PDB file of N, CA and C in Angstrom:
ATOM      1  N   MET A   1      92.806  55.656  -1.158  1.00  0.00           N
ATOM      2  CA  MET A   1      94.218  55.591  -0.845  1.00  0.00           C
ATOM      3  C   MET A   1      94.524  56.540   0.303  1.00  0.00           C
ATOM      4  N   GLY A   2      95.612  56.254   0.966  1.00  0.00           N
ATOM      5  CA  GLY A   2      96.039  57.116   2.059  1.00  0.00           C
ATOM      6  C   GLY A   2      96.720  58.359   1.536  1.00  0.00           C
ATOM      7  N   HIS A   3      97.034  59.255   2.449  1.00  0.00           N
ATOM      8  CA  HIS A   3      97.671  60.506   2.060  1.00  0.00           C
ATOM      9  C   HIS A   3      99.143  60.524   2.423  1.00  0.00           C
ATOM     10  N   HIS A   4      99.754  59.373   2.465  1.00  0.00           N
ATOM     11  CA  HIS A   4     101.171  59.251   2.767  1.00  0.00           C
ATOM     12  C   HIS A   4     101.929  59.076   1.454  1.00  0.00           C
ATOM     13  N   VAL A   5     102.962  59.856   1.265  1.00  0.00           N
ATOM     14  CA  VAL A   5     103.777  59.757   0.057  1.00  0.00           C
ATOM     15  C   VAL A   5     105.203  59.446   0.470  1.00  0.00           C
ATOM     16  N   GLU A   6     105.760  58.437  -0.140  1.00  0.00           N
ATOM     17  CA  GLU A   6     107.151  58.081   0.103  1.00  0.00           C
ATOM     18  C   GLU A   6     107.914  58.262  -1.193  1.00  0.00           C
ATOM     19  N   VAL A   7     108.950  59.053  -1.150  1.00  0.00           N
ATOM     20  CA  VAL A   7     109.782  59.291  -2.327  1.00  0.00           C
ATOM     21  C   VAL A   7     111.012  58.407  -2.193  1.00  0.00           C
ATOM     22  N   ARG A   8     111.238  57.598  -3.220  1.00  0.00           N
ATOM     23  CA  ARG A   8     112.395  56.706  -3.218  1.00  0.00           C
ATOM     24  C   ARG A   8     113.158  56.874  -4.526  1.00  0.00           C
ATOM     25  N   PRO A   9     114.461  56.996  -4.435  1.00  0.00           N
ATOM     26  CA  PRO A   9     115.248  57.050  -5.672  1.00  0.00           C
ATOM     27  C   PRO A   9     115.308  55.662  -6.311  1.00  0.00           C
ATOM     28  N   ALA A  10     115.396  55.645  -7.608  1.00  0.00           N
ATOM     29  CA  ALA A  10     115.541  54.386  -8.344  1.00  0.00           C
ATOM     30  C   ALA A  10     116.787  54.508  -9.214  1.00  0.00           C
ATOM     31  N   GLN A  11     117.601  53.488  -9.193  1.00  0.00           N
ATOM     32  CA  GLN A  11     118.817  53.532  -9.991  1.00  0.00           C
ATOM     33  C   GLN A  11     118.490  53.592 -11.481  1.00  0.00           C
ATOM     34  N   CYS A  12     117.446  52.875 -11.891  1.00  0.00           N
ATOM     35  CA  CYS A  12     117.121  52.826 -13.314  1.00  0.00           C
ATOM     36  C   CYS A  12     115.649  52.505 -13.510  1.00  0.00           C
ATOM     37  N   LEU A  13     114.983  53.274 -14.364  1.00  0.00           N
ATOM     38  CA  LEU A  13     113.599  52.982 -14.762  1.00  0.00           C
ATOM     39  C   LEU A  13     113.549  52.550 -16.226  1.00  0.00           C
ATOM     40  N   SER A  14     114.703  52.256 -16.806  1.00  0.00           N
ATOM     41  CA  SER A  14     114.825  51.848 -18.217  1.00  0.00           C
ATOM     42  C   SER A  14     114.213  52.882 -19.171  1.00  0.00           C
ATOM     43  N   LEU A  15     114.500  54.134 -18.914  1.00  0.00           N
ATOM     44  CA  LEU A  15     114.011  55.224 -19.757  1.00  0.00           C
ATOM     45  C   LEU A  15     115.163  55.920 -20.465  1.00  0.00           C
ATOM     46  N   CYS A  16     116.179  55.176 -20.821  1.00  0.00           N
ATOM     47  CA  CYS A  16     117.415  55.760 -21.372  1.00  0.00           C
ATOM     48  C   CYS A  16     117.187  56.808 -22.451  1.00  0.00           C
ATOM     49  N   PRO A  17     116.338  56.567 -23.453  1.00  0.00           N
ATOM     50  CA  PRO A  17     116.142  57.599 -24.471  1.00  0.00           C
ATOM     51  C   PRO A  17     115.298  58.780 -23.974  1.00  0.00           C
ATOM     52  N   ARG A  18     114.644  58.616 -22.818  1.00  0.00           N
ATOM     53  CA  ARG A  18     113.772  59.651 -22.263  1.00  0.00           C
ATOM     54  C   ARG A  18     114.066  59.797 -20.768  1.00  0.00           C
ATOM     55  N   PRO A  19     115.252  60.274 -20.408  1.00  0.00           N
ATOM     56  CA  PRO A  19     115.690  60.250 -19.009  1.00  0.00           C
ATOM     57  C   PRO A  19     114.900  61.152 -18.075  1.00  0.00           C
ATOM     58  N   CYS A  20     115.209  60.973 -16.828  1.00  0.00           N
ATOM     59  CA  CYS A  20     114.606  61.665 -15.699  1.00  0.00           C
ATOM     60  C   CYS A  20     113.125  61.317 -15.603  1.00  0.00           C
ATOM     61  N   GLY A  21     112.875  60.134 -15.077  1.00  0.00           N
ATOM     62  CA  GLY A  21     111.514  59.643 -14.979  1.00  0.00           C
ATOM     63  C   GLY A  21     111.031  59.521 -13.557  1.00  0.00           C
ATOM     64  N   ILE A  22     109.716  59.379 -13.436  1.00  0.00           N
ATOM     65  CA  ILE A  22     109.085  59.122 -12.145  1.00  0.00           C
ATOM     66  C   ILE A  22     108.057  58.025 -12.315  1.00  0.00           C
ATOM     67  N   ALA A  23     107.799  57.312 -11.235  1.00  0.00           N
ATOM     68  CA  ALA A  23     106.746  56.304 -11.203  1.00  0.00           C
ATOM     69  C   ALA A  23     105.862  56.595 -10.012  1.00  0.00           C
ATOM     70  N   LEU A  24     104.567  56.435 -10.196  1.00  0.00           N
ATOM     71  CA  LEU A  24     103.612  56.547  -9.096  1.00  0.00           C
ATOM     72  C   LEU A  24     102.954  55.188  -8.945  1.00  0.00           C
ATOM     73  N   THR A  25     103.001  54.647  -7.743  1.00  0.00           N
ATOM     74  CA  THR A  25     102.407  53.338  -7.516  1.00  0.00           C
ATOM     75  C   THR A  25     101.907  53.243  -6.086  1.00  0.00           C
ATOM     76  N   SER A  26     100.905  52.419  -5.896  1.00  0.00           N
ATOM     77  CA  SER A  26     100.333  52.176  -4.581  1.00  0.00           C
ATOM     78  C   SER A  26      99.646  50.810  -4.635  1.00  0.00           C
ATOM     79  N   PRO A  27      99.662  50.044  -3.539  1.00  0.00           N
ATOM     80  CA  PRO A  27      99.016  48.728  -3.547  1.00  0.00           C
ATOM     81  C   PRO A  27      97.541  48.832  -3.967  1.00  0.00           C
ATOM     82  N   GLY A  28      97.144  47.982  -4.898  1.00  0.00           N
ATOM     83  CA  GLY A  28      95.761  47.938  -5.357  1.00  0.00           C
ATOM     84  C   GLY A  28      95.343  49.114  -6.216  1.00  0.00           C
ATOM     85  N   ALA A  29      96.311  49.890  -6.703  1.00  0.00           N
ATOM     86  CA  ALA A  29      95.992  51.078  -7.497  1.00  0.00           C
ATOM     87  C   ALA A  29      96.723  51.036  -8.836  1.00  0.00           C
ATOM     88  N   TRP A  30      96.292  51.885  -9.742  1.00  0.00           N
ATOM     89  CA  TRP A  30      96.967  52.047 -11.018  1.00  0.00           C
ATOM     90  C   TRP A  30      98.390  52.520 -10.782  1.00  0.00           C
ATOM     91  N   THR A  31      99.302  52.099 -11.639  1.00  0.00           N
ATOM     92  CA  THR A  31     100.687  52.541 -11.611  1.00  0.00           C
ATOM     93  C   THR A  31     100.937  53.368 -12.859  1.00  0.00           C
ATOM     94  N   TYR A  32     101.642  54.479 -12.703  1.00  0.00           N
ATOM     95  CA  TYR A  32     101.962  55.365 -13.820  1.00  0.00           C
ATOM     96  C   TYR A  32     103.464  55.542 -13.928  1.00  0.00           C
ATOM     97  N   LEU A  33     103.959  55.663 -15.153  1.00  0.00           N
ATOM     98  CA  LEU A  33     105.371  55.910 -15.415  1.00  0.00           C
ATOM     99  C   LEU A  33     105.473  57.095 -16.370  1.00  0.00           C
ATOM    100  N   PHE A  34     106.216  58.113 -15.935  1.00  0.00           N
ATOM    101  CA  PHE A  34     106.405  59.323 -16.722  1.00  0.00           C
ATOM    102  C   PHE A  34     107.890  59.509 -16.999  1.00  0.00           C
ATOM    103  N   ALA A  35     108.219  60.019 -18.176  1.00  0.00           N
ATOM    104  CA  ALA A  35     109.599  60.300 -18.571  1.00  0.00           C
ATOM    105  C   ALA A  35     109.738  61.790 -18.867  1.00  0.00           C
ATOM    106  N   ASP A  36     110.927  62.163 -19.334  1.00  0.00           N
ATOM    107  CA  ASP A  36     111.186  63.521 -19.830  1.00  0.00           C
ATOM    108  C   ASP A  36     110.953  64.628 -18.799  1.00  0.00           C
ATOM    109  N   GLN A  37     111.216  64.349 -17.529  1.00  0.00           N
ATOM    110  CA  GLN A  37     111.059  65.382 -16.510  1.00  0.00           C
ATOM    111  C   GLN A  37     112.302  66.261 -16.483  1.00  0.00           C
ATOM    112  N   HIS A  38     112.124  67.500 -16.085  1.00  0.00           N
ATOM    113  CA  HIS A  38     113.216  68.470 -16.076  1.00  0.00           C
ATOM    114  C   HIS A  38     113.384  69.009 -14.656  1.00  0.00           C
ATOM    115  N   PRO A  39     114.470  68.612 -13.991  1.00  0.00           N
ATOM    116  CA  PRO A  39     114.700  69.114 -12.634  1.00  0.00           C
ATOM    117  C   PRO A  39     114.621  70.644 -12.614  1.00  0.00           C
ATOM    118  N   GLY A  40     113.925  71.162 -11.649  1.00  0.00           N
ATOM    119  CA  GLY A  40     113.772  72.606 -11.545  1.00  0.00           C
ATOM    120  C   GLY A  40     112.552  73.147 -12.270  1.00  0.00           C
ATOM    121  N   GLU A  41     112.035  72.405 -13.226  1.00  0.00           N
ATOM    122  CA  GLU A  41     110.856  72.842 -13.974  1.00  0.00           C
ATOM    123  C   GLU A  41     109.641  71.961 -13.711  1.00  0.00           C
ATOM    124  N   SER A  42     109.857  70.673 -13.487  1.00  0.00           N
ATOM    125  CA  SER A  42     108.761  69.713 -13.404  1.00  0.00           C
ATOM    126  C   SER A  42     108.183  69.528 -12.005  1.00  0.00           C
ATOM    127  N   ALA A  43     108.875  70.002 -10.971  1.00  0.00           N
ATOM    128  CA  ALA A  43     108.473  69.699  -9.592  1.00  0.00           C
ATOM    129  C   ALA A  43     107.025  70.081  -9.292  1.00  0.00           C
ATOM    130  N   ARG A  44     106.580  71.257  -9.687  1.00  0.00           N
ATOM    131  CA  ARG A  44     105.205  71.663  -9.354  1.00  0.00           C
ATOM    132  C   ARG A  44     104.172  70.815 -10.087  1.00  0.00           C
ATOM    133  N   HIS A  45     104.486  70.389 -11.309  1.00  0.00           N
ATOM    134  CA  HIS A  45     103.568  69.539 -12.058  1.00  0.00           C
ATOM    135  C   HIS A  45     103.531  68.139 -11.453  1.00  0.00           C
ATOM    136  N   ILE A  46     104.695  67.668 -11.020  1.00  0.00           N
ATOM    137  CA  ILE A  46     104.762  66.350 -10.370  1.00  0.00           C
ATOM    138  C   ILE A  46     103.966  66.381  -9.067  1.00  0.00           C
ATOM    139  N   MET A  47     104.130  67.425  -8.280  1.00  0.00           N
ATOM    140  CA  MET A  47     103.396  67.532  -7.013  1.00  0.00           C
ATOM    141  C   MET A  47     101.890  67.606  -7.252  1.00  0.00           C
ATOM    142  N   ALA A  48     101.461  68.303  -8.287  1.00  0.00           N
ATOM    143  CA  ALA A  48     100.036  68.375  -8.619  1.00  0.00           C
ATOM    144  C   ALA A  48      99.527  67.002  -9.035  1.00  0.00           C
ATOM    145  N   CYS A  49     100.340  66.264  -9.766  1.00  0.00           N
ATOM    146  CA  CYS A  49      99.955  64.921 -10.195  1.00  0.00           C
ATOM    147  C   CYS A  49      99.877  63.979  -8.998  1.00  0.00           C
ATOM    148  N   VAL A  50     100.834  64.076  -8.092  1.00  0.00           N
ATOM    149  CA  VAL A  50     100.818  63.249  -6.879  1.00  0.00           C
ATOM    150  C   VAL A  50      99.572  63.565  -6.056  1.00  0.00           C
ATOM    151  N   ALA A  51      99.220  64.835  -5.918  1.00  0.00           N
ATOM    152  CA  ALA A  51      98.018  65.219  -5.171  1.00  0.00           C
ATOM    153  C   ALA A  51      96.768  64.619  -5.809  1.00  0.00           C
ATOM    154  N   LEU A  52      96.704  64.648  -7.120  1.00  0.00           N
ATOM    155  CA  LEU A  52      95.580  64.037  -7.831  1.00  0.00           C
ATOM    156  C   LEU A  52      95.549  62.534  -7.577  1.00  0.00           C
ATOM    157  N   TYR A  53      96.706  61.899  -7.685  1.00  0.00           N
ATOM    158  CA  TYR A  53      96.830  60.450  -7.511  1.00  0.00           C
ATOM    159  C   TYR A  53      96.370  60.010  -6.123  1.00  0.00           C
ATOM    160  N   ILE A  54      96.866  60.663  -5.084  1.00  0.00           N
ATOM    161  CA  ILE A  54      96.503  60.230  -3.732  1.00  0.00           C
ATOM    162  C   ILE A  54      95.080  60.637  -3.360  1.00  0.00           C
ATOM    163  N   GLY A  55      94.489  61.507  -4.147  1.00  0.00           N
ATOM    164  CA  GLY A  55      93.108  61.909  -3.910  1.00  0.00           C
ATOM    165  C   GLY A  55      92.085  60.968  -4.520  1.00  0.00           C
ATOM    166  N   THR A  56      92.561  59.897  -5.151  1.00  0.00           N
ATOM    167  CA  THR A  56      91.651  58.922  -5.749  1.00  0.00           C
ATOM    168  C   THR A  56      91.616  57.665  -4.886  1.00  0.00           C
ATOM    169  N   SER A  57      90.595  56.855  -5.079  1.00  0.00           N
ATOM    170  CA  SER A  57      90.511  55.607  -4.313  1.00  0.00           C
ATOM    171  C   SER A  57      91.297  54.479  -4.964  1.00  0.00           C
ATOM    172  N   ASP A  58      91.531  54.580  -6.276  1.00  0.00           N
ATOM    173  CA  ASP A  58      92.202  53.490  -6.996  1.00  0.00           C
ATOM    174  C   ASP A  58      93.395  53.956  -7.828  1.00  0.00           C
ATOM    175  N   GLY A  59      93.782  55.219  -7.688  1.00  0.00           N
ATOM    176  CA  GLY A  59      94.931  55.734  -8.426  1.00  0.00           C
ATOM    177  C   GLY A  59      94.652  56.104  -9.867  1.00  0.00           C
ATOM    178  N   PHE A  60      93.434  55.895 -10.339  1.00  0.00           N
ATOM    179  CA  PHE A  60      93.141  56.193 -11.741  1.00  0.00           C
ATOM    180  C   PHE A  60      93.060  57.701 -11.951  1.00  0.00           C
ATOM    181  N   MET A  61      93.836  58.195 -12.918  1.00  0.00           N
ATOM    182  CA  MET A  61      93.865  59.615 -13.247  1.00  0.00           C
ATOM    183  C   MET A  61      93.539  59.797 -14.727  1.00  0.00           C
ATOM    184  N   PRO A  62      92.329  60.244 -15.042  1.00  0.00           N
ATOM    185  CA  PRO A  62      92.010  60.487 -16.449  1.00  0.00           C
ATOM    186  C   PRO A  62      92.999  61.478 -17.057  1.00  0.00           C
ATOM    187  N   ARG A  63      93.314  61.278 -18.305  1.00  0.00           N
ATOM    188  CA  ARG A  63      94.305  62.110 -18.991  1.00  0.00           C
ATOM    189  C   ARG A  63      94.014  63.598 -18.840  1.00  0.00           C
ATOM    190  N   GLU A  64      92.775  63.993 -19.026  1.00  0.00           N
ATOM    191  CA  GLU A  64      92.436  65.414 -18.995  1.00  0.00           C
ATOM    192  C   GLU A  64      92.579  66.046 -17.605  1.00  0.00           C
ATOM    193  N   ARG A  65      92.689  65.240 -16.564  1.00  0.00           N
ATOM    194  CA  ARG A  65      92.860  65.771 -15.204  1.00  0.00           C
ATOM    195  C   ARG A  65      94.326  65.868 -14.798  1.00  0.00           C
ATOM    196  N   ARG A  66      95.212  65.171 -15.509  1.00  0.00           N
ATOM    197  CA  ARG A  66      96.641  65.227 -15.193  1.00  0.00           C
ATOM    198  C   ARG A  66      97.213  66.569 -15.627  1.00  0.00           C
ATOM    199  N   PRO A  67      98.236  67.070 -14.925  1.00  0.00           N
ATOM    200  CA  PRO A  67      98.879  68.310 -15.365  1.00  0.00           C
ATOM    201  C   PRO A  67      99.352  68.164 -16.821  1.00  0.00           C
ATOM    202  N   LYS A  68      99.147  69.194 -17.597  1.00  0.00           N
ATOM    203  CA  LYS A  68      99.424  69.139 -19.036  1.00  0.00           C
ATOM    204  C   LYS A  68     100.812  68.601 -19.385  1.00  0.00           C
ATOM    205  N   PRO A  69     101.900  69.043 -18.719  1.00  0.00           N
ATOM    206  CA  PRO A  69     103.221  68.510 -19.081  1.00  0.00           C
ATOM    207  C   PRO A  69     103.341  66.994 -18.866  1.00  0.00           C
ATOM    208  N   LEU A  70     102.581  66.453 -17.929  1.00  0.00           N
ATOM    209  CA  LEU A  70     102.666  65.012 -17.683  1.00  0.00           C
ATOM    210  C   LEU A  70     101.765  64.210 -18.627  1.00  0.00           C
ATOM    211  N   ARG A  71     100.869  64.857 -19.319  1.00  0.00           N
ATOM    212  CA  ARG A  71     100.053  64.150 -20.322  1.00  0.00           C
ATOM    213  C   ARG A  71     100.940  63.689 -21.470  1.00  0.00           C
ATOM    214  N   ALA A  72     101.861  64.550 -21.891  1.00  0.00           N
ATOM    215  CA  ALA A  72     102.724  64.241 -23.026  1.00  0.00           C
ATOM    216  C   ALA A  72     103.892  63.338 -22.653  1.00  0.00           C
ATOM    217  N   SER A  73     104.238  63.291 -21.378  1.00  0.00           N
ATOM    218  CA  SER A  73     105.425  62.536 -20.982  1.00  0.00           C
ATOM    219  C   SER A  73     105.109  61.154 -20.415  1.00  0.00           C
ATOM    220  N   ILE A  74     103.850  60.733 -20.483  1.00  0.00           N
ATOM    221  CA  ILE A  74     103.500  59.419 -19.941  1.00  0.00           C
ATOM    222  C   ILE A  74     104.092  58.312 -20.817  1.00  0.00           C
ATOM    223  N   VAL A  75     104.662  57.334 -20.169  1.00  0.00           N
ATOM    224  CA  VAL A  75     105.257  56.195 -20.864  1.00  0.00           C
ATOM    225  C   VAL A  75     104.346  54.976 -20.736  1.00  0.00           C
ATOM    226  N   GLY A  76     103.667  54.874 -19.599  1.00  0.00           N
ATOM    227  CA  GLY A  76     102.782  53.740 -19.422  1.00  0.00           C
ATOM    228  C   GLY A  76     101.885  53.880 -18.211  1.00  0.00           C
ATOM    229  N   ARG A  77     100.789  53.110 -18.267  1.00  0.00           N
ATOM    230  CA  ARG A  77      99.824  53.040 -17.171  1.00  0.00           C
ATOM    231  C   ARG A  77      99.462  51.570 -17.019  1.00  0.00           C
ATOM    232  N   VAL A  78      99.575  51.049 -15.797  1.00  0.00           N
ATOM    233  CA  VAL A  78      99.341  49.632 -15.538  1.00  0.00           C
ATOM    234  C   VAL A  78      98.176  49.509 -14.567  1.00  0.00           C
ATOM    235  N   PRO A  79      97.169  48.686 -14.908  1.00  0.00           N
ATOM    236  CA  PRO A  79      96.027  48.547 -13.993  1.00  0.00           C
ATOM    237  C   PRO A  79      96.430  47.843 -12.698  1.00  0.00           C
ATOM    238  N   PRO A  80      95.620  48.042 -11.662  1.00  0.00           N
ATOM    239  CA  PRO A  80      95.913  47.374 -10.390  1.00  0.00           C
ATOM    240  C   PRO A  80      95.927  45.863 -10.562  1.00  0.00           C
ATOM    241  N   HIS A  81      96.835  45.227  -9.853  1.00  0.00           N
ATOM    242  CA  HIS A  81      96.892  43.773  -9.877  1.00  0.00           C
ATOM    243  C   HIS A  81      95.958  43.227  -8.794  1.00  0.00           C
ATOM    244  N   VAL A  82      95.112  42.310  -9.182  1.00  0.00           N
ATOM    245  CA  VAL A  82      94.211  41.688  -8.234  1.00  0.00           C
ATOM    246  C   VAL A  82      94.628  40.240  -8.103  1.00  0.00           C
ATOM    247  N   TRP A  83      95.251  39.905  -6.995  1.00  0.00           N
ATOM    248  CA  TRP A  83      95.742  38.546  -6.748  1.00  0.00           C
ATOM    249  C   TRP A  83      94.572  37.573  -6.711  1.00  0.00           C
ATOM    250  N   GLY A  84      94.722  36.477  -7.441  1.00  0.00           N
ATOM    251  CA  GLY A  84      93.720  35.416  -7.430  1.00  0.00           C
ATOM    252  C   GLY A  84      92.518  35.681  -8.321  1.00  0.00           C
ATOM    253  N   ALA A  85      92.495  36.814  -9.005  1.00  0.00           N
ATOM    254  CA  ALA A  85      91.378  37.128  -9.886  1.00  0.00           C
ATOM    255  C   ALA A  85      91.462  36.294 -11.151  1.00  0.00           C
ATOM    256  N   ASP A  86      90.316  35.923 -11.672  1.00  0.00           N
ATOM    257  CA  ASP A  86      90.259  35.182 -12.921  1.00  0.00           C
ATOM    258  C   ASP A  86      90.338  36.188 -14.068  1.00  0.00           C
ATOM    259  N   VAL A  87      91.467  36.223 -14.749  1.00  0.00           N
ATOM    260  CA  VAL A  87      91.651  37.183 -15.840  1.00  0.00           C
ATOM    261  C   VAL A  87      91.389  36.558 -17.210  1.00  0.00           C
ATOM    262  N   SER A  88      90.875  35.333 -17.231  1.00  0.00           N
ATOM    263  CA  SER A  88      90.632  34.678 -18.506  1.00  0.00           C
ATOM    264  C   SER A  88      89.328  35.123 -19.152  1.00  0.00           C
ATOM    265  N   ALA A  89      88.489  35.813 -18.410  1.00  0.00           N
ATOM    266  CA  ALA A  89      87.184  36.212 -18.955  1.00  0.00           C
ATOM    267  C   ALA A  89      87.305  37.306 -19.975  1.00  0.00           C
TER     268      ALA A  89
END
């Protein structure tokens, strides 16, 4: 993956019971969704997670390598989508 990061606000990530969320996504890479972030407290952990994410070729971040606060706040992880791949196997 490249080392370019674009931060975009999202009106809603459907995390109502667990507000203040972030998503990490990149074409052809794993997508992650985290909830329960705390403005003013979570920024350094988020930045460490982003650095880990962009340092991979496919976005995959093993749980034990993610910053500890983001291990507990993960809501989901989605594998890369491969267009035209046979997923019936």
